[in-house]
Amino acid sequence: MMFGHVRDRFPRISLALPGRSGPLLVEFIVDTGFDGDLTLPQSVINRLEATVSDAHDVRLADGSQQERAYYEVSLEWTVISSAPSSV
């Protein structure tokens, strides 16, 4: 289970991503339309242990298209579950 918080009326979680000089804690807004890709500012990408994997055309909010690099980052995704407690 992941825990987060609400700030500025948006639900948020934080993930520890592998940084060049140790884990980098990055906060994300939870989006119910999540499709498996995260968008990060270049300043954050530069601090991660990320490798360019490909380039794709993306459509921006103004309708224009641009080619953008896709990066890969490996992270450990551990789910800790516990048995339901009885009341």
N, C-alpha and C. Protein backbone atom coordinates (compact mmCIF):
# COMPACT_ATOMS: atom_id res chain seq x y z
N MET A 1 0.85 -1.16 0.00
CA MET A 1 0.00 0.00 0.00
C MET A 1 0.90 1.23 0.00
N MET A 2 0.48 2.22 -0.72
CA MET A 2 1.21 3.48 -0.75
C MET A 2 0.39 4.52 -0.01
N PHE A 3 1.08 5.40 0.68
CA PHE A 3 0.41 6.47 1.39
C PHE A 3 0.83 7.80 0.78
N GLY A 4 -0.06 8.75 0.81
CA GLY A 4 0.23 10.06 0.27
C GLY A 4 -0.47 11.13 1.08
N HIS A 5 -0.65 12.26 0.46
CA HIS A 5 -1.32 13.37 1.13
C HIS A 5 -1.99 14.24 0.07
N VAL A 6 -2.82 15.15 0.53
CA VAL A 6 -3.49 16.09 -0.36
C VAL A 6 -2.92 17.47 -0.08
N ARG A 7 -2.48 18.13 -1.14
CA ARG A 7 -1.98 19.50 -1.03
C ARG A 7 -2.52 20.28 -2.21
N ASP A 8 -2.99 21.46 -1.99
CA ASP A 8 -3.58 22.29 -3.05
C ASP A 8 -4.69 21.55 -3.80
N ARG A 9 -5.43 20.74 -3.04
CA ARG A 9 -6.57 19.98 -3.55
C ARG A 9 -6.19 18.86 -4.53
N PHE A 10 -4.92 18.45 -4.57
CA PHE A 10 -4.49 17.36 -5.42
C PHE A 10 -3.89 16.24 -4.58
N PRO A 11 -4.27 14.97 -4.86
CA PRO A 11 -3.65 13.85 -4.14
C PRO A 11 -2.23 13.63 -4.66
N ARG A 12 -1.29 13.41 -3.73
CA ARG A 12 0.12 13.29 -4.09
C ARG A 12 0.76 12.11 -3.39
N ILE A 13 1.75 11.52 -4.06
CA ILE A 13 2.60 10.51 -3.46
C ILE A 13 4.05 10.87 -3.77
N SER A 14 4.96 10.30 -3.01
CA SER A 14 6.38 10.51 -3.26
C SER A 14 7.03 9.16 -3.57
N LEU A 15 7.93 9.16 -4.53
CA LEU A 15 8.69 7.96 -4.89
C LEU A 15 10.17 8.28 -4.77
N ALA A 16 10.92 7.32 -4.28
CA ALA A 16 12.38 7.44 -4.23
C ALA A 16 12.93 6.88 -5.54
N LEU A 17 13.44 7.74 -6.40
CA LEU A 17 14.01 7.33 -7.68
C LEU A 17 15.53 7.27 -7.55
N PRO A 18 16.17 6.37 -8.32
CA PRO A 18 17.62 6.23 -8.22
C PRO A 18 18.34 7.45 -8.79
N GLY A 19 18.98 8.22 -7.92
CA GLY A 19 19.71 9.40 -8.33
C GLY A 19 21.19 9.12 -8.50
N ARG A 20 21.87 10.01 -9.17
CA ARG A 20 23.31 9.85 -9.40
C ARG A 20 24.11 9.85 -8.10
N SER A 21 23.61 10.55 -7.08
CA SER A 21 24.31 10.60 -5.80
C SER A 21 23.41 10.12 -4.67
N GLY A 22 22.65 9.06 -4.93
CA GLY A 22 21.75 8.49 -3.93
C GLY A 22 20.30 8.70 -4.31
N PRO A 23 19.38 8.09 -3.57
CA PRO A 23 17.96 8.18 -3.89
C PRO A 23 17.47 9.64 -3.93
N LEU A 24 16.60 9.91 -4.89
CA LEU A 24 16.03 11.25 -5.07
C LEU A 24 14.52 11.14 -4.84
N LEU A 25 14.02 11.78 -3.81
CA LEU A 25 12.60 11.74 -3.48
C LEU A 25 11.86 12.73 -4.36
N VAL A 26 10.93 12.23 -5.17
CA VAL A 26 10.18 13.06 -6.12
C VAL A 26 8.69 12.92 -5.81
N GLU A 27 8.00 14.04 -5.69
CA GLU A 27 6.57 14.04 -5.41
C GLU A 27 5.79 14.09 -6.72
N PHE A 28 4.74 13.28 -6.81
CA PHE A 28 3.89 13.21 -8.00
C PHE A 28 2.44 13.46 -7.62
N ILE A 29 1.70 14.09 -8.53
CA ILE A 29 0.25 14.19 -8.40
C ILE A 29 -0.34 12.90 -8.93
N VAL A 30 -1.24 12.29 -8.16
CA VAL A 30 -1.87 11.05 -8.57
C VAL A 30 -2.91 11.36 -9.64
N ASP A 31 -2.81 10.67 -10.77
CA ASP A 31 -3.71 10.89 -11.89
C ASP A 31 -4.44 9.58 -12.19
N THR A 32 -5.76 9.60 -12.14
CA THR A 32 -6.52 8.37 -12.38
C THR A 32 -6.40 7.90 -13.82
N GLY A 33 -5.90 8.73 -14.71
CA GLY A 33 -5.69 8.34 -16.09
C GLY A 33 -4.27 7.85 -16.35
N PHE A 34 -3.52 7.52 -15.30
CA PHE A 34 -2.12 7.09 -15.43
C PHE A 34 -2.02 5.93 -16.41
N ASP A 35 -1.09 6.04 -17.36
CA ASP A 35 -0.94 4.98 -18.37
C ASP A 35 0.44 4.34 -18.38
N GLY A 36 1.23 4.57 -17.34
CA GLY A 36 2.52 3.90 -17.23
C GLY A 36 3.72 4.77 -17.50
N ASP A 37 3.55 5.98 -17.98
CA ASP A 37 4.67 6.88 -18.23
C ASP A 37 4.60 8.06 -17.27
N LEU A 38 5.75 8.46 -16.76
CA LEU A 38 5.84 9.64 -15.90
C LEU A 38 6.51 10.75 -16.68
N THR A 39 6.04 11.95 -16.52
CA THR A 39 6.66 13.11 -17.14
C THR A 39 7.40 13.88 -16.06
N LEU A 40 8.68 14.08 -16.31
CA LEU A 40 9.53 14.77 -15.34
C LEU A 40 10.23 15.94 -16.00
N PRO A 41 10.51 16.99 -15.25
CA PRO A 41 11.28 18.10 -15.81
C PRO A 41 12.71 17.64 -16.11
N GLN A 42 13.33 18.24 -17.11
CA GLN A 42 14.69 17.87 -17.49
C GLN A 42 15.65 18.03 -16.32
N SER A 43 15.42 19.01 -15.46
CA SER A 43 16.30 19.23 -14.31
C SER A 43 16.30 18.03 -13.36
N VAL A 44 15.17 17.33 -13.24
CA VAL A 44 15.09 16.12 -12.41
C VAL A 44 15.74 14.96 -13.15
N ILE A 45 15.45 14.81 -14.44
CA ILE A 45 16.04 13.72 -15.23
C ILE A 45 17.56 13.78 -15.16
N ASN A 46 18.13 14.98 -15.21
CA ASN A 46 19.58 15.13 -15.16
C ASN A 46 20.18 14.63 -13.85
N ARG A 47 19.37 14.56 -12.79
CA ARG A 47 19.85 14.10 -11.49
C ARG A 47 19.62 12.62 -11.26
N LEU A 48 18.97 11.95 -12.21
CA LEU A 48 18.65 10.53 -12.07
C LEU A 48 19.66 9.65 -12.80
N GLU A 49 19.70 8.39 -12.40
CA GLU A 49 20.44 7.38 -13.14
C GLU A 49 19.52 6.90 -14.25
N ALA A 50 19.37 7.71 -15.28
CA ALA A 50 18.44 7.42 -16.37
C ALA A 50 19.23 7.29 -17.67
N THR A 51 18.74 6.40 -18.54
CA THR A 51 19.36 6.24 -19.85
C THR A 51 18.31 6.51 -20.92
N VAL A 52 18.72 7.15 -22.00
CA VAL A 52 17.79 7.41 -23.11
C VAL A 52 17.46 6.08 -23.76
N SER A 53 16.17 5.80 -23.92
CA SER A 53 15.75 4.53 -24.51
C SER A 53 15.21 4.70 -25.92
N ASP A 54 14.66 5.88 -26.22
CA ASP A 54 14.02 6.07 -27.53
C ASP A 54 13.58 7.53 -27.63
N ALA A 55 13.00 7.88 -28.76
CA ALA A 55 12.38 9.19 -28.94
C ALA A 55 11.01 8.97 -29.56
N HIS A 56 10.05 9.76 -29.14
CA HIS A 56 8.67 9.64 -29.63
C HIS A 56 8.12 11.02 -29.93
N ASP A 57 7.18 11.07 -30.88
CA ASP A 57 6.42 12.30 -31.11
C ASP A 57 5.34 12.38 -30.03
N VAL A 58 5.23 13.53 -29.40
CA VAL A 58 4.21 13.75 -28.38
C VAL A 58 3.38 14.97 -28.77
N ARG A 59 2.11 14.94 -28.39
CA ARG A 59 1.23 16.08 -28.65
C ARG A 59 1.14 16.90 -27.37
N LEU A 60 1.41 18.18 -27.47
CA LEU A 60 1.38 19.07 -26.33
C LEU A 60 -0.03 19.64 -26.13
N ALA A 61 -0.23 20.28 -25.00
CA ALA A 61 -1.56 20.82 -24.67
C ALA A 61 -2.06 21.81 -25.70
N ASP A 62 -1.17 22.52 -26.40
CA ASP A 62 -1.60 23.49 -27.41
C ASP A 62 -1.87 22.84 -28.77
N GLY A 63 -1.77 21.50 -28.82
CA GLY A 63 -2.05 20.77 -30.06
C GLY A 63 -0.83 20.53 -30.94
N SER A 64 0.28 21.19 -30.65
CA SER A 64 1.49 20.99 -31.47
C SER A 64 2.15 19.65 -31.13
N GLN A 65 2.97 19.18 -32.05
CA GLN A 65 3.69 17.93 -31.84
C GLN A 65 5.18 18.21 -31.79
N GLN A 66 5.87 17.52 -30.90
CA GLN A 66 7.32 17.62 -30.80
C GLN A 66 7.89 16.25 -30.53
N GLU A 67 9.14 16.05 -30.96
CA GLU A 67 9.81 14.79 -30.64
C GLU A 67 10.49 14.96 -29.29
N ARG A 68 10.29 13.99 -28.41
CA ARG A 68 10.86 14.03 -27.06
C ARG A 68 11.57 12.72 -26.76
N ALA A 69 12.66 12.82 -26.03
CA ALA A 69 13.40 11.63 -25.60
C ALA A 69 12.63 10.90 -24.52
N TYR A 70 12.69 9.58 -24.55
CA TYR A 70 12.15 8.73 -23.50
C TYR A 70 13.33 8.15 -22.74
N TYR A 71 13.25 8.15 -21.43
CA TYR A 71 14.32 7.63 -20.58
C TYR A 71 13.81 6.43 -19.81
N GLU A 72 14.73 5.57 -19.44
CA GLU A 72 14.39 4.43 -18.59
C GLU A 72 15.08 4.59 -17.25
N VAL A 73 14.34 4.28 -16.20
CA VAL A 73 14.87 4.28 -14.85
C VAL A 73 14.39 2.99 -14.19
N SER A 74 15.29 2.28 -13.57
CA SER A 74 14.92 1.06 -12.85
C SER A 74 14.73 1.40 -11.38
N LEU A 75 13.64 0.94 -10.83
CA LEU A 75 13.41 1.15 -9.41
C LEU A 75 12.78 -0.08 -8.82
N GLU A 76 13.03 -0.26 -7.54
CA GLU A 76 12.46 -1.40 -6.83
C GLU A 76 11.05 -1.03 -6.39
N TRP A 77 10.09 -1.85 -6.81
CA TRP A 77 8.69 -1.60 -6.49
C TRP A 77 8.24 -2.73 -5.59
N THR A 78 8.28 -2.49 -4.30
CA THR A 78 7.93 -3.52 -3.33
C THR A 78 6.58 -3.21 -2.73
N VAL A 79 5.72 -4.21 -2.77
CA VAL A 79 4.40 -4.06 -2.18
C VAL A 79 4.40 -4.87 -0.89
N ILE A 80 4.11 -4.20 0.18
CA ILE A 80 4.04 -4.87 1.49
C ILE A 80 2.57 -4.99 1.85
N SER A 81 2.15 -6.20 2.03
CA SER A 81 0.75 -6.39 2.41
C SER A 81 0.70 -7.07 3.77
N SER A 82 -0.36 -6.85 4.44
CA SER A 82 -0.54 -7.49 5.74
C SER A 82 -1.93 -8.10 5.78
N ALA A 83 -2.05 -9.12 6.58
CA ALA A 83 -3.34 -9.78 6.72
C ALA A 83 -4.29 -8.82 7.43
N PRO A 84 -5.56 -8.86 7.04
CA PRO A 84 -6.53 -7.97 7.72
C PRO A 84 -6.60 -8.31 9.20
N SER A 85 -6.67 -7.29 10.01
CA SER A 85 -6.76 -7.52 11.45
C SER A 85 -8.22 -7.69 11.85
N SER A 86 -8.43 -8.51 12.85
CA SER A 86 -9.80 -8.72 13.32
C SER A 86 -10.16 -7.66 14.36
N VAL A 87 -11.42 -7.34 14.40
CA VAL A 87 -11.90 -6.30 15.33
C VAL A 87 -12.61 -6.95 16.47
